[in-house]
Amino acid sequence: MKKLSIAERLGTVSYLNQSKQNPKPHIIVDTDICNSTCPHHCTTFVCPADCYKKDENGKVYFQFEDCIECGTCMYACDQGAVDWNYPDPEEGMGVKWNFG
């Protein structure tokens, strides 16, 4: 069996909101804080799903769709830009876990 890279493993994650017309984010990120007062943009380095990126001008942007709900950004952000609420599985949102 071929050993998968982290990127390949993340590609196997399935999401309950994949087929939803209007998926509701469980994370709201105030990128104005990221791009004005944050001195380090640490979320762009620590997110294993690569949901936080910098554009060619060095501005941070965020996409929740690939989030694996690990919570790393919630603890890494010390600027108050991340507002996190675990998705309600009854609404059909969030990661579809295979083992727990």
C-alpha atoms as a PDB file:
ATOM      1  CA  MET A   1       0.000   0.000   0.000  1.00  0.00           C
ATOM      2  CA  LYS A   2       1.352   3.414  -1.003  1.00  0.00           C
ATOM      3  CA  LYS A   3       2.046   5.795   1.862  1.00  0.00           C
ATOM      4  CA  LEU A   4       0.047   8.989   1.299  1.00  0.00           C
ATOM      5  CA  SER A   5       1.426  12.480   1.828  1.00  0.00           C
ATOM      6  CA  ILE A   6      -0.391  14.902   4.138  1.00  0.00           C
ATOM      7  CA  ALA A   7      -1.911  16.673   1.110  1.00  0.00           C
ATOM      8  CA  GLU A   8      -3.130  13.352  -0.304  1.00  0.00           C
ATOM      9  CA  ARG A   9      -4.606  12.346   3.063  1.00  0.00           C
ATOM     10  CA  LEU A  10      -6.414  15.680   3.373  1.00  0.00           C
ATOM     11  CA  GLY A  11      -7.813  15.078  -0.099  1.00  0.00           C
ATOM     12  CA  THR A  12      -9.634  12.006   1.207  1.00  0.00           C
ATOM     13  CA  VAL A  13     -11.588  13.951   3.841  1.00  0.00           C
ATOM     14  CA  SER A  14     -15.280  14.207   3.039  1.00  0.00           C
ATOM     15  CA  TYR A  15     -17.559  16.945   4.245  1.00  0.00           C
ATOM     16  CA  LEU A  16     -21.223  16.890   5.171  1.00  0.00           C
ATOM     17  CA  ASN A  17     -21.667  20.309   3.541  1.00  0.00           C
ATOM     18  CA  GLN A  18     -20.137  19.376   0.171  1.00  0.00           C
ATOM     19  CA  SER A  19     -23.444  19.153  -1.638  1.00  0.00           C
ATOM     20  CA  LYS A  20     -25.131  22.017   0.195  1.00  0.00           C
ATOM     21  CA  GLN A  21     -26.206  25.077  -1.794  1.00  0.00           C
ATOM     22  CA  ASN A  22     -25.413  27.479   1.040  1.00  0.00           C
ATOM     23  CA  PRO A  23     -22.944  25.892   3.437  1.00  0.00           C
ATOM     24  CA  LYS A  24     -22.751  27.712   6.758  1.00  0.00           C
ATOM     25  CA  PRO A  25     -19.196  28.371   7.983  1.00  0.00           C
ATOM     26  CA  HIS A  26     -18.318  27.257  11.491  1.00  0.00           C
ATOM     27  CA  ILE A  27     -15.388  29.666  11.537  1.00  0.00           C
ATOM     28  CA  ILE A  28     -15.633  33.382  10.916  1.00  0.00           C
ATOM     29  CA  VAL A  29     -12.279  35.080  10.387  1.00  0.00           C
ATOM     30  CA  ASP A  30     -11.915  38.840  10.526  1.00  0.00           C
ATOM     31  CA  THR A  31      -9.197  39.156   7.899  1.00  0.00           C
ATOM     32  CA  ASP A  32      -9.161  42.921   8.495  1.00  0.00           C
ATOM     33  CA  ILE A  33      -7.416  42.130  11.789  1.00  0.00           C
ATOM     34  CA  CYS A  34      -5.069  39.717  10.017  1.00  0.00           C
ATOM     35  CA  ASN A  35      -4.150  42.330   7.459  1.00  0.00           C
ATOM     36  CA  SER A  36      -3.897  45.388   9.697  1.00  0.00           C
ATOM     37  CA  THR A  37      -2.666  44.624  13.210  1.00  0.00           C
ATOM     38  CA  CYS A  38      -1.398  41.017  13.165  1.00  0.00           C
ATOM     39  CA  PRO A  39       2.406  41.037  13.136  1.00  0.00           C
ATOM     40  CA  HIS A  40       2.999  37.355  12.260  1.00  0.00           C
ATOM     41  CA  HIS A  41       0.100  35.791  10.265  1.00  0.00           C
ATOM     42  CA  CYS A  42       0.707  32.544  12.149  1.00  0.00           C
ATOM     43  CA  THR A  43      -2.474  30.882  10.898  1.00  0.00           C
ATOM     44  CA  THR A  44      -0.984  30.804   7.399  1.00  0.00           C
ATOM     45  CA  PHE A  45       1.786  28.591   8.796  1.00  0.00           C
ATOM     46  CA  VAL A  46      -0.071  26.318  11.226  1.00  0.00           C
ATOM     47  CA  CYS A  47      -3.284  25.318   9.440  1.00  0.00           C
ATOM     48  CA  PRO A  48      -2.791  21.721   8.242  1.00  0.00           C
ATOM     49  CA  ALA A  49      -5.616  22.068   5.699  1.00  0.00           C
ATOM     50  CA  ASP A  50      -4.102  25.254   4.228  1.00  0.00           C
ATOM     51  CA  CYS A  51      -7.312  27.250   4.744  1.00  0.00           C
ATOM     52  CA  TYR A  52      -5.354  30.446   5.443  1.00  0.00           C
ATOM     53  CA  LYS A  53      -3.316  31.788   2.540  1.00  0.00           C
ATOM     54  CA  LYS A  54      -1.522  34.949   1.543  1.00  0.00           C
ATOM     55  CA  ASP A  55      -2.030  36.505  -1.860  1.00  0.00           C
ATOM     56  CA  GLU A  56       0.698  38.053  -4.006  1.00  0.00           C
ATOM     57  CA  ASN A  57       0.424  41.284  -1.992  1.00  0.00           C
ATOM     58  CA  GLY A  58       0.881  39.502   1.347  1.00  0.00           C
ATOM     59  CA  LYS A  59      -2.790  39.855   2.344  1.00  0.00           C
ATOM     60  CA  VAL A  60      -4.306  36.966   4.305  1.00  0.00           C
ATOM     61  CA  TYR A  61      -7.517  35.373   3.108  1.00  0.00           C
ATOM     62  CA  PHE A  62      -9.474  32.440   4.469  1.00  0.00           C
ATOM     63  CA  GLN A  63     -11.643  29.641   3.059  1.00  0.00           C
ATOM     64  CA  PHE A  64     -13.579  27.419   5.443  1.00  0.00           C
ATOM     65  CA  GLU A  65     -14.609  24.738   2.957  1.00  0.00           C
ATOM     66  CA  ASP A  66     -11.502  22.546   3.422  1.00  0.00           C
ATOM     67  CA  CYS A  67     -11.335  22.895   7.217  1.00  0.00           C
ATOM     68  CA  ILE A  68     -10.782  19.638   9.102  1.00  0.00           C
ATOM     69  CA  GLU A  69     -11.994  21.147  12.410  1.00  0.00           C
ATOM     70  CA  CYS A  70      -8.711  20.554  14.221  1.00  0.00           C
ATOM     71  CA  GLY A  71      -8.918  23.848  16.150  1.00  0.00           C
ATOM     72  CA  THR A  72      -5.302  24.846  15.533  1.00  0.00           C
ATOM     73  CA  CYS A  73      -6.180  28.317  14.261  1.00  0.00           C
ATOM     74  CA  MET A  74      -8.404  28.949  17.268  1.00  0.00           C
ATOM     75  CA  TYR A  75      -5.425  28.496  19.589  1.00  0.00           C
ATOM     76  CA  ALA A  76      -2.757  29.975  17.320  1.00  0.00           C
ATOM     77  CA  CYS A  77      -4.508  33.282  16.650  1.00  0.00           C
ATOM     78  CA  ASP A  78      -3.644  35.668  19.469  1.00  0.00           C
ATOM     79  CA  GLN A  79      -5.204  38.697  17.784  1.00  0.00           C
ATOM     80  CA  GLY A  80      -8.898  37.822  18.189  1.00  0.00           C
ATOM     81  CA  ALA A  81      -9.542  37.349  14.468  1.00  0.00           C
ATOM     82  CA  VAL A  82     -10.928  33.799  14.691  1.00  0.00           C
ATOM     83  CA  ASP A  83     -14.483  33.161  15.891  1.00  0.00           C
ATOM     84  CA  TRP A  84     -15.017  29.405  16.082  1.00  0.00           C
ATOM     85  CA  ASN A  85     -18.179  27.364  16.659  1.00  0.00           C
ATOM     86  CA  TYR A  86     -18.188  23.637  15.969  1.00  0.00           C
ATOM     87  CA  PRO A  87     -20.769  22.838  13.295  1.00  0.00           C
ATOM     88  CA  ASP A  88     -23.979  21.116  14.269  1.00  0.00           C
ATOM     89  CA  PRO A  89     -23.948  17.659  12.649  1.00  0.00           C
ATOM     90  CA  GLU A  90     -27.753  17.657  12.776  1.00  0.00           C
ATOM     91  CA  GLU A  91     -27.697  20.475  10.215  1.00  0.00           C
ATOM     92  CA  GLY A  92     -25.440  18.421   7.962  1.00  0.00           C
ATOM     93  CA  MET A  93     -22.347  20.573   8.280  1.00  0.00           C
ATOM     94  CA  GLY A  94     -18.707  19.870   8.999  1.00  0.00           C
ATOM     95  CA  VAL A  95     -16.317  16.985   8.558  1.00  0.00           C
ATOM     96  CA  LYS A  96     -17.735  13.511   8.052  1.00  0.00           C
ATOM     97  CA  TRP A  97     -15.672  11.442  10.501  1.00  0.00           C
ATOM     98  CA  ASN A  98     -15.033   7.776   9.785  1.00  0.00           C
ATOM     99  CA  PHE A  99     -13.662   6.736  13.182  1.00  0.00           C
ATOM    100  CA  GLY A 100     -15.348   8.775  15.887  1.00  0.00           C
END
